[in-house]
Structures are given as structure tokens and as C-alpha cells.
């Protein structure tokens, strides 16, 4: 565990993590599954905020304190899965959320080298979610995830041979695919909450359009909106896909086109002036986006009203 002045703690290897938990060295240097049901874990020495050098998938039986899902709404109270990838700052300033996980799977990126998962693992959106966007599990879902954890545990506890890595990676992929399925379910079961977020998103964009923000800050970005909604950009995009079939960038573009149509049909501003008023640095970029979205140039659209 390394710490520089004014920097978060870095837990760079699985051996470092095991040492911090008061455990023996992992059986495999690149992958480890800590089963809290029969392994005595002491996490008191781990700083509340730290940066990992590996992937972490953990199931916590109780979720409270500052580890929240989105806007603090809970669909299930049986616990949930937390995901973290190398380089992410994770943790909480609340002691309640540092309680030991029932299962903790640690995987160093080097374990995936030579396998397609080395590239595809980042395609799972939950690895880019912030720590407060937990995957909550029903009892049936928990049973499925636990079965896979136990398969991994059994494989790692057996004699390591030429097939061990292939088997464990297949089991990790199975775990990730089920997690992906359950996240999609979570978007569906949380539609009421997400519709409320959609309303807030529309209000945030409307406020942005109706102030000097477009002129002072330029086009609204996904990161800007996500930050103002206390979400991560990837979660915001996934939420919108589940509700309206668009990602966040497409949603912003559609709102821009609505505003552009309003300006083109009700004012005498030139095309360049409309582009500038909407936050575009170059009118050509505005015209290209408008043509892509409407199959008409801004000038052709304006002429259709005359």
C-alpha cells in the first residue's frame, strides 16, 4: 500500500489487498476470491478512500450510509454488487459502509492478457459507474450470483493446471453477463425514479438554454448534465436508453435541434447567428448536425415556412 503526500492510498496488487485485510498471500497472484462466510477479514486498516490497481467485484449484504444507488432509492434490501476498475477512487467516509463483503473477487488486469475479455471488460457500463450506483439483487438474482462465486472459489481452491485460467475467465464472463442482465432489470423496475430524473434532466437543459450558459460555456456536455444530476455519464446514457432509446449525447442533440427549429422559424437571425446563439463555435458544425437530424439544411428548413 503506497501513499504520497496529499494523494489517496493506492492498493496496487492483490498481495497488498490481502495484507491490508490481514490475510495470507493469495493462492494466485492475479486473481483471488475472498469468501467472507469462512474467512476472517479485518478491513479496519484500509483507508476509507483508496485507489485500486485491479478490478473488484464485491457483494455486500447490507447497503446503507453513503453508498447509495443514484438518488438514494432502494428497490431491494437484500444487498448488492459493487464494481470497481483499476484507477478508480472508491470508498466512503461512513463506517457503516465499510462492513465486510460476503464475497470479494479481485482480478488484476494482467490475468486477462491474451483473452478477448482484456478488451471487452470495459464495455460493461457498471465498471464506469460511480460507487453509489450499486446493483441491487433480488433473492433469485443473489442465488445465481452466489453460485458463480462458489464456482470460482472451488476452481481457485483446486490444484491449478493448464486449464484453470480458461475456466476462471469463463466463469468471470458468466458473472459479468448475468450482472449486465440484472442491471437492465434494475432500470425497468426503477422507471418511476428514472422518469423523475428525466424530468430533472429536461429542466436542467431548459435552464442551460435560457441563460447565458450557451454563450459562456458552449454546447452542453454529457459530463456537465450528469454532474448536475449527481450521476455518472455512463449511467445517465444507460438510463436514457432504457427510457427513450437514446444515449445522452443523442438526447442533447435532439434538444438542440428543437431550439434551432424554434429560432429558424420565429426569428430573422442568420444561420451563423443561430449557430452562435446555440453554443456552436462554427456554423458549419451546426449546419451539418441539423442536416443529419432533419434531412434539411437550416436554410431549407427556414424556406419551408415562407
Protein backbone atom coordinates (compact mmCIF):
# COMPACT_ATOMS: atom_id res chain seq x y z
CA UNK A 1 0.00 0.00 0.00
CA UNK A 2 1.55 3.26 -1.11
CA UNK A 3 0.70 6.80 -0.20
CA UNK A 4 2.14 10.05 -1.46
CA UNK A 5 1.63 13.42 0.13
CA UNK A 6 -1.93 14.65 -0.41
CA UNK A 7 -2.75 11.58 -2.54
CA UNK A 8 -5.25 8.78 -1.90
CA UNK A 9 -3.94 5.42 -0.80
CA UNK A 10 -3.02 3.06 -3.62
CA UNK A 11 -3.56 -0.68 -3.26
CA UNK A 12 -1.68 -1.86 -6.31
CA UNK A 13 -1.55 -5.65 -6.04
CA UNK A 14 -3.68 -8.50 -4.74
CA UNK A 15 -0.94 -9.23 -2.24
CA UNK A 16 -1.27 -5.67 -0.92
CA UNK A 17 -5.02 -6.14 -0.61
CA UNK A 18 -4.68 -9.45 1.26
CA UNK A 19 -2.15 -7.90 3.60
CA UNK A 20 -4.50 -5.00 4.29
CA UNK A 21 -7.26 -7.49 5.10
CA UNK A 22 -4.98 -9.41 7.44
CA UNK A 23 -5.00 -12.45 5.15
CA UNK A 24 -2.33 -14.80 3.82
CA UNK A 25 -0.96 -14.21 0.33
CA UNK A 26 -3.44 -15.11 -2.43
CA UNK A 27 -3.08 -18.58 -3.96
CA UNK A 28 -2.88 -16.94 -7.38
CA UNK A 29 -1.07 -13.57 -7.75
CA UNK A 30 -3.56 -12.24 -10.32
CA UNK A 31 -6.98 -13.44 -9.13
CA UNK A 32 -8.47 -14.00 -5.70
CA UNK A 33 -11.90 -14.66 -4.25
CA UNK A 34 -12.36 -13.80 -0.57
CA UNK A 35 -15.33 -15.64 0.92
CA UNK A 36 -16.39 -13.70 4.00
CA UNK A 37 -18.52 -16.56 5.28
CA UNK A 38 -15.48 -18.59 6.32
CA UNK A 39 -12.58 -16.14 6.05
CA UNK A 40 -11.99 -13.75 8.92
CA UNK A 41 -11.40 -10.36 7.33
CA UNK A 42 -10.21 -7.22 9.08
CA UNK A 43 -10.70 -4.20 6.85
CA UNK A 44 -10.08 -1.63 9.56
CA UNK A 45 -6.62 -0.81 8.23
CA UNK A 46 -7.87 0.06 4.75
CA UNK A 47 -8.35 3.82 4.30
CA UNK A 48 -11.90 4.94 3.64
CA UNK A 49 -10.83 6.34 0.26
CA UNK A 50 -8.34 4.45 -1.88
CA UNK A 51 -7.38 3.63 -5.46
CA UNK A 52 -7.12 0.03 -6.64
CA UNK A 53 -4.71 -1.37 -9.21
CA UNK A 54 -7.13 -4.17 -10.13
CA UNK A 55 -10.79 -4.99 -10.74
CA UNK A 56 -13.04 -5.59 -7.77
CA UNK A 57 -16.49 -7.17 -7.67
CA UNK A 58 -17.96 -7.41 -4.18
CA UNK A 59 -21.28 -8.40 -2.70
CA UNK A 60 -22.30 -6.52 0.43
CA UNK A 61 -25.25 -7.99 2.38
CA UNK A 62 -26.28 -4.60 3.76
CA UNK A 63 -26.09 -1.28 1.98
CA UNK A 64 -26.53 1.92 3.90
CA UNK A 65 -24.70 5.11 4.74
CA UNK A 66 -23.15 7.00 1.83
CA UNK A 67 -23.04 4.08 -0.59
CA UNK A 68 -26.24 4.89 -2.37
CA UNK A 69 -27.84 4.00 -5.69
CA UNK A 70 -28.37 7.11 -7.81
CA UNK A 71 -30.78 9.31 -5.88
CA UNK A 72 -30.91 7.06 -2.76
CA UNK A 73 -33.89 4.94 -3.80
CA UNK A 74 -33.71 1.23 -3.00
CA UNK A 75 -35.67 -1.49 -4.77
CA UNK A 76 -34.25 -4.41 -2.81
CA UNK A 77 -32.82 -4.56 0.69
CA UNK A 78 -31.07 -7.94 0.40
CA UNK A 79 -27.79 -6.27 -0.53
CA UNK A 80 -25.99 -5.58 -3.75
CA UNK A 81 -22.96 -5.88 -6.00
CA UNK A 82 -20.35 -3.15 -6.26
CA UNK A 83 -17.96 -2.88 -9.19
CA UNK A 84 -14.65 -1.02 -9.41
CA UNK A 85 -11.95 -0.92 -12.07
CA UNK A 86 -8.24 -0.07 -11.88
CA UNK A 87 -7.52 3.57 -11.19
CA UNK A 88 -10.92 4.42 -9.73
CA UNK A 89 -11.18 6.24 -6.42
CA UNK A 90 -13.60 4.29 -4.24
CA UNK A 91 -14.78 4.28 -0.67
CA UNK A 92 -16.87 6.24 1.79
CA UNK A 93 -16.47 8.46 4.81
CA UNK A 94 -19.09 6.42 6.66
CA UNK A 95 -18.02 3.48 8.79
CA UNK A 96 -21.28 1.64 8.16
CA UNK A 97 -20.44 1.00 4.52
CA UNK A 98 -17.00 -0.42 5.23
CA UNK A 99 -18.54 -3.58 6.68
CA UNK A 100 -17.02 -6.75 5.24
CA UNK A 101 -18.35 -8.06 1.96
CA UNK A 102 -19.78 -11.54 1.80
CA UNK A 103 -17.83 -12.18 -1.39
CA UNK A 104 -14.96 -10.14 -2.83
CA UNK A 105 -13.49 -11.02 -6.21
CA UNK A 106 -10.20 -9.30 -7.08
CA UNK A 107 -8.75 -9.57 -10.60
CA UNK A 108 -5.56 -7.98 -11.85
CA UNK A 109 -5.80 -6.76 -15.48
CA UNK A 110 -2.82 -8.96 -16.41
CA UNK A 111 -4.99 -12.03 -15.73
CA UNK A 112 -6.97 -11.21 -18.90
CA UNK A 113 -3.97 -10.74 -21.20
CA UNK A 114 -4.32 -12.88 -24.32
CA UNK A 115 -8.08 -13.21 -23.85
CA UNK A 116 -10.85 -11.14 -25.54
CA UNK A 117 -12.09 -10.10 -22.09
CA UNK A 118 -8.99 -7.89 -21.74
CA UNK A 119 -10.64 -5.52 -24.25
CA UNK A 120 -14.34 -6.21 -23.73
CA UNK A 121 -14.47 -5.85 -19.94
CA UNK A 122 -14.62 -2.05 -20.22
CA UNK A 123 -17.77 -2.38 -22.34
CA UNK A 124 -19.69 -3.34 -19.21
CA UNK A 125 -21.08 0.02 -18.12
CA UNK A 126 -21.15 -0.77 -14.44
CA UNK A 127 -17.34 -0.61 -14.26
CA UNK A 128 -17.54 3.08 -15.12
CA UNK A 129 -20.39 3.83 -12.73
CA UNK A 130 -19.62 5.66 -9.51
CA UNK A 131 -19.68 3.63 -6.31
CA UNK A 132 -23.13 4.87 -5.34
CA UNK A 133 -24.72 3.16 -8.34
CA UNK A 134 -24.94 -0.30 -6.87
CA UNK A 135 -26.57 -3.32 -8.48
CA UNK A 136 -29.30 -4.37 -6.05
CA UNK A 137 -30.25 -8.04 -6.20
CA UNK A 138 -33.46 -9.93 -5.56
CA UNK A 139 -33.21 -13.26 -3.73
CA UNK A 140 -33.26 -15.24 -7.00
CA UNK A 141 -30.63 -13.00 -8.56
CA UNK A 142 -28.47 -13.27 -5.48
CA UNK A 143 -28.68 -17.07 -5.68
CA UNK A 144 -27.44 -17.00 -9.27
CA UNK A 145 -24.52 -14.70 -8.47
CA UNK A 146 -23.56 -16.75 -5.41
CA UNK A 147 -23.48 -19.94 -7.49
CA UNK A 148 -20.94 -18.35 -9.83
CA UNK A 149 -18.86 -17.01 -6.93
CA UNK A 150 -18.79 -20.52 -5.47
CA UNK A 151 -17.71 -22.00 -8.81
CA UNK A 152 -14.82 -19.54 -8.98
CA UNK A 153 -13.95 -20.25 -5.35
CA UNK A 154 -13.92 -24.00 -5.99
CA UNK A 155 -11.73 -23.64 -9.07
CA UNK A 156 -9.20 -21.39 -7.33
CA UNK A 157 -9.09 -23.72 -4.32
CA UNK A 158 -8.33 -26.73 -6.52
CA UNK A 159 -4.98 -27.67 -7.97
CA UNK A 160 -4.03 -25.06 -10.58
CA UNK A 161 -3.39 -26.62 -14.00
CA UNK A 162 -3.21 -25.63 -17.67
CA UNK A 163 -6.99 -25.18 -17.84
CA UNK A 164 -7.51 -23.16 -14.66
CA UNK A 165 -7.20 -19.73 -16.27
CA UNK A 166 -9.57 -20.63 -19.12
CA UNK A 167 -12.15 -21.94 -16.66
CA UNK A 168 -11.97 -18.96 -14.28
CA UNK A 169 -12.15 -16.42 -17.10
CA UNK A 170 -15.23 -18.19 -18.47
CA UNK A 171 -16.79 -18.01 -15.01
CA UNK A 172 -15.96 -14.31 -14.71
CA UNK A 173 -17.57 -13.67 -18.11
CA UNK A 174 -20.67 -15.54 -16.94
CA UNK A 175 -20.78 -13.39 -13.80
CA UNK A 176 -20.47 -10.18 -15.85
CA UNK A 177 -23.18 -11.23 -18.30
CA UNK A 178 -25.62 -12.00 -15.50
CA UNK A 179 -24.76 -8.69 -13.84
CA UNK A 180 -25.47 -6.95 -17.15
CA UNK A 181 -28.87 -8.65 -17.34
CA UNK A 182 -29.72 -7.67 -13.77
CA UNK A 183 -28.70 -4.05 -14.37
CA UNK A 184 -31.14 -3.91 -17.28
CA UNK A 185 -33.83 -5.27 -14.95
CA UNK A 186 -32.95 -2.60 -12.44
CA UNK A 187 -33.55 0.14 -14.99
CA UNK A 188 -37.02 -1.33 -15.65
CA UNK A 189 -38.02 -1.71 -12.00
CA UNK A 190 -36.83 1.83 -11.25
CA UNK A 191 -38.76 3.51 -14.07
CA UNK A 192 -40.68 5.82 -11.72
CA UNK A 193 -37.43 7.13 -10.26
CA UNK A 194 -35.81 7.38 -13.68
CA UNK A 195 -38.75 9.29 -15.13
CA UNK A 196 -38.26 11.77 -12.31
CA UNK A 197 -34.60 12.05 -13.32
CA UNK A 198 -35.66 12.56 -16.94
CA UNK A 199 -37.84 15.45 -15.85
CA UNK A 200 -34.92 16.94 -13.92
CA UNK A 201 -32.70 16.50 -16.97
CA UNK A 202 -35.18 18.39 -19.15
CA UNK A 203 -35.36 21.17 -16.57
CA UNK A 204 -31.55 21.35 -16.39
CA UNK A 205 -31.25 21.60 -20.18
CA UNK A 206 -34.03 24.20 -20.38
CA UNK A 207 -32.26 26.28 -17.77
CA UNK A 208 -28.98 25.94 -19.69
CA UNK A 209 -30.66 27.08 -22.92
CA UNK A 210 -32.43 30.02 -21.31
CA UNK A 211 -29.40 31.54 -19.58
CA UNK A 212 -26.04 32.80 -20.81
CA UNK A 213 -24.55 29.32 -20.40
CA UNK A 214 -24.64 28.57 -24.14
CA UNK A 215 -22.67 31.72 -24.92
CA UNK A 216 -20.30 31.44 -21.95
CA UNK A 217 -19.70 27.66 -21.85
CA UNK A 218 -20.67 26.46 -25.31
CA UNK A 219 -22.67 23.35 -26.07
CA UNK A 220 -23.90 21.39 -23.05
CA UNK A 221 -21.92 18.20 -22.49
CA UNK A 222 -22.97 14.82 -21.13
CA UNK A 223 -20.49 15.22 -18.28
CA UNK A 224 -21.93 18.61 -17.33
CA UNK A 225 -25.50 17.30 -17.16
CA UNK A 226 -24.54 14.09 -15.36
CA UNK A 227 -22.62 16.07 -12.77
CA UNK A 228 -25.63 18.32 -12.10
CA UNK A 229 -27.84 15.25 -11.65
CA UNK A 230 -25.30 13.52 -9.36
CA UNK A 231 -24.91 10.67 -11.84
CA UNK A 232 -22.03 9.33 -13.86
CA UNK A 233 -22.14 9.98 -17.64
CA UNK A 234 -22.41 6.27 -18.45
CA UNK A 235 -25.30 5.78 -16.05
CA UNK A 236 -27.13 8.78 -17.50
CA UNK A 237 -26.77 7.34 -21.02
CA UNK A 238 -27.91 3.87 -19.93
CA UNK A 239 -30.91 5.37 -18.12
CA UNK A 240 -31.96 7.31 -21.22
CA UNK A 241 -31.55 4.27 -23.46
CA UNK A 242 -33.89 2.31 -21.19
CA UNK A 243 -36.50 5.11 -21.22
CA UNK A 244 -36.37 6.69 -24.68
CA UNK A 245 -33.95 4.57 -26.73
CA UNK A 246 -31.30 7.30 -26.97
CA UNK A 247 -28.00 7.92 -25.24
CA UNK A 248 -27.29 11.22 -23.52
CA UNK A 249 -25.43 12.77 -26.47
CA UNK A 250 -28.29 11.98 -28.86
CA UNK A 251 -30.76 13.44 -26.38
CA UNK A 252 -28.77 16.69 -26.15
CA UNK A 253 -28.56 16.91 -29.94
CA UNK A 254 -32.32 16.46 -30.30
CA UNK A 255 -32.96 19.26 -27.81
CA UNK A 256 -30.52 21.49 -29.70
CA UNK A 257 -32.36 20.83 -32.94
CA UNK A 258 -35.68 21.70 -31.28
CA UNK A 259 -34.21 25.03 -30.20
CA UNK A 260 -32.71 25.58 -33.64
CA UNK A 261 -36.07 24.99 -35.34
CA UNK A 262 -37.65 27.49 -32.99
CA UNK A 263 -35.02 30.12 -33.82
CA UNK A 264 -35.12 29.47 -37.56
CA UNK A 265 -38.92 29.66 -37.76
CA UNK A 266 -39.59 32.60 -35.44
CA UNK A 267 -36.60 34.95 -35.82
CA UNK A 268 -34.70 36.67 -38.59
CA UNK A 269 -31.29 35.69 -37.22
CA UNK A 270 -28.82 34.47 -39.82
CA UNK A 271 -27.74 30.82 -39.84
CA UNK A 272 -24.41 31.82 -38.31
CA UNK A 273 -26.16 33.83 -35.60
CA UNK A 274 -28.43 30.90 -34.74
CA UNK A 275 -25.41 28.59 -34.54
CA UNK A 276 -23.59 31.04 -32.27
CA UNK A 277 -26.65 31.52 -30.04
CA UNK A 278 -26.84 27.73 -29.58
CA UNK A 279 -23.21 27.47 -28.50
CA UNK A 280 -21.59 26.26 -31.72
CA UNK A 281 -18.11 27.63 -32.45
CA UNK A 282 -18.54 27.07 -36.19
CA UNK A 283 -21.75 27.43 -38.17
CA UNK A 284 -20.63 24.56 -40.42
CA UNK A 285 -20.83 22.16 -37.45
CA UNK A 286 -24.35 23.38 -36.69
CA UNK A 287 -25.47 23.02 -40.31
CA UNK A 288 -24.02 19.51 -40.53
CA UNK A 289 -25.80 18.36 -37.34
CA UNK A 290 -29.07 19.97 -38.45
CA UNK A 291 -28.91 18.26 -41.86
CA UNK A 292 -28.12 14.91 -40.23
CA UNK A 293 -31.10 15.18 -37.89
CA UNK A 294 -33.71 16.67 -40.26
CA UNK A 295 -32.50 15.84 -43.82
CA UNK A 296 -32.75 19.57 -44.49
CA UNK A 297 -30.20 22.33 -44.29
CA UNK A 298 -31.05 25.16 -41.85
CA UNK A 299 -31.75 27.43 -44.84
CA UNK A 300 -34.03 24.84 -46.48
CA UNK A 301 -35.90 24.42 -43.23
CA UNK A 302 -36.41 28.20 -42.91
CA UNK A 303 -37.63 28.48 -46.51
CA UNK A 304 -40.26 25.81 -45.82
CA UNK A 305 -42.02 28.36 -43.58
CA UNK A 306 -42.17 31.04 -46.28
